[in-house]
């Protein structure tokens, strides 16, 4: 399955969720690209839009290789099978976590200018542009739960089957348009997959 853009993917995902009769109180996009998809979903379902901020935690020696994720409300998810028990590596990983925590706080100041939205007792729809390992989305689910969300539904245009299995254990429901056992990279499912800017995210939030 291919999508022309994040906007088109969001429209198709929104239609699917509407057809399934999915009920939620608000849509939370994962910055940055996920917010573009989430904005279309929120429009289709006529729900408020906000963000839930997450950051990938890269391996100290290969930063592009994710070994975990951070999310708001002091959530840290690490793949212990990859990280192992090497004390030197753990010390270097602590530095990476602190660096990403600082970036997360910076995004909070940028995207939550009026404070974080109250999730207590609500059903939230977490939306991203794709689910590769599922680590960042798992951190987002745990964050929403820690903030008091009653139900957490994950939705994305495309996902790996591994991510679906992982998230099935933490979310109340996981809905995708395409689940690919040969999943490689999110961008391969989009004809246009340009980087989303902070300004675009802010504009989408303002418009919503």
Protein backbone atom coordinates (compact mmCIF):
# COMPACT_ATOMS: atom_id res chain seq x y z
CA UNK A 1 0.00 0.00 0.00
CA UNK A 2 1.27 3.46 -0.92
CA UNK A 3 0.16 6.90 0.23
CA UNK A 4 0.58 10.08 -1.78
CA UNK A 5 1.40 12.11 1.33
CA UNK A 6 0.85 12.25 5.08
CA UNK A 7 -2.27 14.32 4.45
CA UNK A 8 -3.76 11.71 2.13
CA UNK A 9 -2.82 8.92 4.55
CA UNK A 10 -4.55 10.81 7.36
CA UNK A 11 -7.69 11.24 5.29
CA UNK A 12 -7.83 7.53 4.51
CA UNK A 13 -7.15 6.61 8.12
CA UNK A 14 -9.82 9.05 9.30
CA UNK A 15 -12.39 7.51 6.94
CA UNK A 16 -11.52 4.03 8.18
CA UNK A 17 -11.84 5.02 11.83
CA UNK A 18 -15.15 6.74 11.11
CA UNK A 19 -16.48 3.65 9.31
CA UNK A 20 -15.47 1.49 12.28
CA UNK A 21 -17.36 3.82 14.59
CA UNK A 22 -14.30 4.59 16.73
CA UNK A 23 -15.22 6.88 19.63
CA UNK A 24 -12.67 9.13 21.32
CA UNK A 25 -12.44 12.43 23.19
CA UNK A 26 -9.40 13.79 21.39
CA UNK A 27 -6.66 12.99 18.89
CA UNK A 28 -3.00 13.19 19.93
CA UNK A 29 -0.39 13.31 17.17
CA UNK A 30 3.22 12.27 17.73
CA UNK A 31 5.51 15.09 16.52
CA UNK A 32 6.40 15.87 14.05
CA UNK A 33 5.15 13.87 11.05
CA UNK A 34 2.45 12.13 13.02
CA UNK A 35 0.75 15.46 13.69
CA UNK A 36 0.09 15.94 9.96
CA UNK A 37 -1.71 12.58 9.84
CA UNK A 38 -3.45 13.26 13.16
CA UNK A 39 -4.78 16.62 11.93
CA UNK A 40 -6.65 14.88 9.09
CA UNK A 41 -7.96 12.20 11.46
CA UNK A 42 -9.18 14.85 13.91
CA UNK A 43 -10.89 16.67 11.05
CA UNK A 44 -12.64 13.50 9.84
CA UNK A 45 -13.83 12.58 13.32
CA UNK A 46 -14.51 16.20 14.33
CA UNK A 47 -12.36 15.90 17.45
CA UNK A 48 -9.88 18.25 19.18
CA UNK A 49 -6.22 17.90 18.16
CA UNK A 50 -3.17 18.05 20.39
CA UNK A 51 0.28 16.48 20.63
CA UNK A 52 1.94 13.96 22.90
CA UNK A 53 5.68 14.45 22.75
CA UNK A 54 8.05 11.51 22.37
CA UNK A 55 11.75 11.19 21.57
CA UNK A 56 13.67 8.19 20.28
CA UNK A 57 16.67 7.03 22.30
CA UNK A 58 19.48 6.03 19.97
CA UNK A 59 22.28 3.57 20.68
CA UNK A 60 25.32 5.51 21.98
CA UNK A 61 27.54 4.06 19.22
CA UNK A 62 24.95 4.19 16.43
CA UNK A 63 22.50 7.01 17.17
CA UNK A 64 20.26 6.17 14.21
CA UNK A 65 19.60 2.74 15.76
CA UNK A 66 16.81 3.19 18.30
CA UNK A 67 17.05 1.25 21.56
CA UNK A 68 14.15 2.91 23.30
CA UNK A 69 12.06 6.04 23.67
CA UNK A 70 11.09 8.84 26.02
CA UNK A 71 7.66 10.42 26.45
CA UNK A 72 6.05 13.13 28.55
CA UNK A 73 5.34 12.43 32.23
CA UNK A 74 8.82 10.91 32.73
CA UNK A 75 8.28 7.77 30.68
CA UNK A 76 11.36 5.82 29.56
CA UNK A 77 11.16 2.60 27.57
CA UNK A 78 14.40 0.72 26.84
CA UNK A 79 15.03 -2.48 24.91
CA UNK A 80 17.10 -4.29 27.52
CA UNK A 81 17.81 -7.18 25.15
CA UNK A 82 19.71 -4.75 22.91
CA UNK A 83 21.23 -2.55 25.60
CA UNK A 84 22.47 -5.45 27.70
CA UNK A 85 24.32 -5.11 31.01
CA UNK A 86 27.55 -3.48 29.81
CA UNK A 87 28.17 -0.81 32.47
CA UNK A 88 30.21 1.45 30.17
CA UNK A 89 27.50 1.31 27.52
CA UNK A 90 24.87 2.00 30.17
CA UNK A 91 26.77 5.10 31.30
CA UNK A 92 26.95 6.37 27.73
CA UNK A 93 23.25 5.57 27.28
CA UNK A 94 22.44 7.67 30.36
CA UNK A 95 24.05 10.62 28.58
CA UNK A 96 21.92 10.00 25.48
CA UNK A 97 18.77 9.81 27.64
CA UNK A 98 19.62 13.11 29.33
CA UNK A 99 20.27 14.76 25.97
CA UNK A 100 16.94 13.54 24.57
CA UNK A 101 15.16 14.52 27.79
CA UNK A 102 16.37 18.08 27.29
CA UNK A 103 15.04 18.04 23.73
CA UNK A 104 11.72 16.69 24.96
CA UNK A 105 11.45 19.56 27.46
CA UNK A 106 12.23 21.99 24.65
CA UNK A 107 9.39 20.55 22.55
CA UNK A 108 7.04 20.75 25.52
CA UNK A 109 7.77 24.47 25.85
CA UNK A 110 7.23 24.91 22.11
CA UNK A 111 4.10 22.81 21.57
CA UNK A 112 2.35 23.07 24.97
CA UNK A 113 2.32 26.84 25.28
CA UNK A 114 -0.95 26.75 27.20
CA UNK A 115 0.03 23.74 29.29
CA UNK A 116 -0.60 20.05 28.84
CA UNK A 117 -4.16 18.96 28.12
CA UNK A 118 -5.98 17.07 30.87
CA UNK A 119 -6.36 13.42 29.80
CA UNK A 120 -7.97 12.14 33.01
CA UNK A 121 -10.86 9.78 32.32
CA UNK A 122 -10.69 10.33 28.55
CA UNK A 123 -10.40 8.07 25.55
CA UNK A 124 -7.46 9.24 23.44
CA UNK A 125 -6.53 8.36 19.89
CA UNK A 126 -2.74 8.30 19.44
CA UNK A 127 -1.75 8.84 15.80
CA UNK A 128 1.61 8.55 14.04
CA UNK A 129 2.61 8.40 10.37
CA UNK A 130 3.91 4.84 10.77
CA UNK A 131 4.87 2.25 13.38
CA UNK A 132 8.32 0.75 12.84
CA UNK A 133 9.50 -0.84 16.10
CA UNK A 134 6.61 0.54 18.15
CA UNK A 135 8.96 1.82 20.88
CA UNK A 136 8.05 5.51 20.66
CA UNK A 137 4.36 4.71 20.45
CA UNK A 138 4.60 2.36 23.44
CA UNK A 139 6.17 5.22 25.41
CA UNK A 140 3.30 7.48 24.25
CA UNK A 141 0.69 4.94 25.37
CA UNK A 142 2.32 4.62 28.81
CA UNK A 143 2.47 8.43 29.07
CA UNK A 144 -1.23 8.79 28.26
CA UNK A 145 -2.08 6.14 30.86
CA UNK A 146 0.10 7.85 33.47
CA UNK A 147 -1.79 11.07 32.74
CA UNK A 148 -5.04 9.30 33.58
CA UNK A 149 -6.43 8.37 30.16
CA UNK A 150 -9.18 5.78 30.52
CA UNK A 151 -8.67 4.20 27.07
CA UNK A 152 -5.80 4.54 24.62
CA UNK A 153 -6.29 3.65 20.95
CA UNK A 154 -3.31 3.68 18.56
CA UNK A 155 -3.89 4.42 14.87
CA UNK A 156 -1.48 4.72 11.93
CA UNK A 157 -1.54 4.29 8.17
CA UNK A 158 1.15 1.59 8.20
CA UNK A 159 2.94 -0.64 10.70
CA UNK A 160 5.29 -3.55 11.01
CA UNK A 161 3.74 -6.74 12.33
CA UNK A 162 6.29 -6.63 15.17
CA UNK A 163 5.06 -3.18 16.21
CA UNK A 164 1.45 -4.41 16.15
CA UNK A 165 2.32 -7.31 18.45
CA UNK A 166 4.25 -5.02 20.80
CA UNK A 167 1.54 -2.37 21.01
CA UNK A 168 -1.24 -4.91 21.31
CA UNK A 169 0.05 -5.60 24.80
CA UNK A 170 -0.17 -2.00 26.03
CA UNK A 171 -2.92 -0.23 24.03
CA UNK A 172 -6.66 -0.92 24.21
CA UNK A 173 -6.80 -1.14 20.41
CA UNK A 174 -4.39 -0.76 17.48
CA UNK A 175 -5.78 0.16 14.07
CA UNK A 176 -3.72 0.38 10.88
CA UNK A 177 -4.52 0.43 7.17
CA UNK A 178 -1.53 -1.71 6.24
CA UNK A 179 0.39 -4.24 8.35
CA UNK A 180 3.55 -5.40 6.58
CA UNK A 181 5.64 -8.35 7.83
CA UNK A 182 8.44 -7.14 5.51
CA UNK A 183 8.29 -3.58 6.87
CA UNK A 184 11.47 -1.63 6.26
CA UNK A 185 11.06 2.12 6.80
CA UNK A 186 8.01 4.36 7.17
CA UNK A 187 9.08 6.60 4.29
CA UNK A 188 8.91 3.74 1.79
CA UNK A 189 5.12 3.79 1.99
CA UNK A 190 4.84 7.47 1.02
CA UNK A 191 5.37 9.06 -2.38
CA UNK A 192 6.16 12.35 -0.62
CA UNK A 193 7.80 12.06 2.81
CA UNK A 194 9.45 15.40 3.47
CA UNK A 195 10.48 16.43 6.97
CA UNK A 196 7.76 18.22 8.93
CA UNK A 197 8.90 21.46 10.59
CA UNK A 198 8.04 22.81 14.03
CA UNK A 199 6.25 25.70 12.31
CA UNK A 200 3.99 23.29 10.39
CA UNK A 201 3.09 21.51 13.63
CA UNK A 202 2.27 24.81 15.34
CA UNK A 203 0.12 25.89 12.38
CA UNK A 204 -1.83 22.63 12.48
CA UNK A 205 -2.44 22.97 16.21
CA UNK A 206 -3.49 26.59 15.78
CA UNK A 207 -5.88 25.71 12.93
CA UNK A 208 -7.46 22.94 15.02
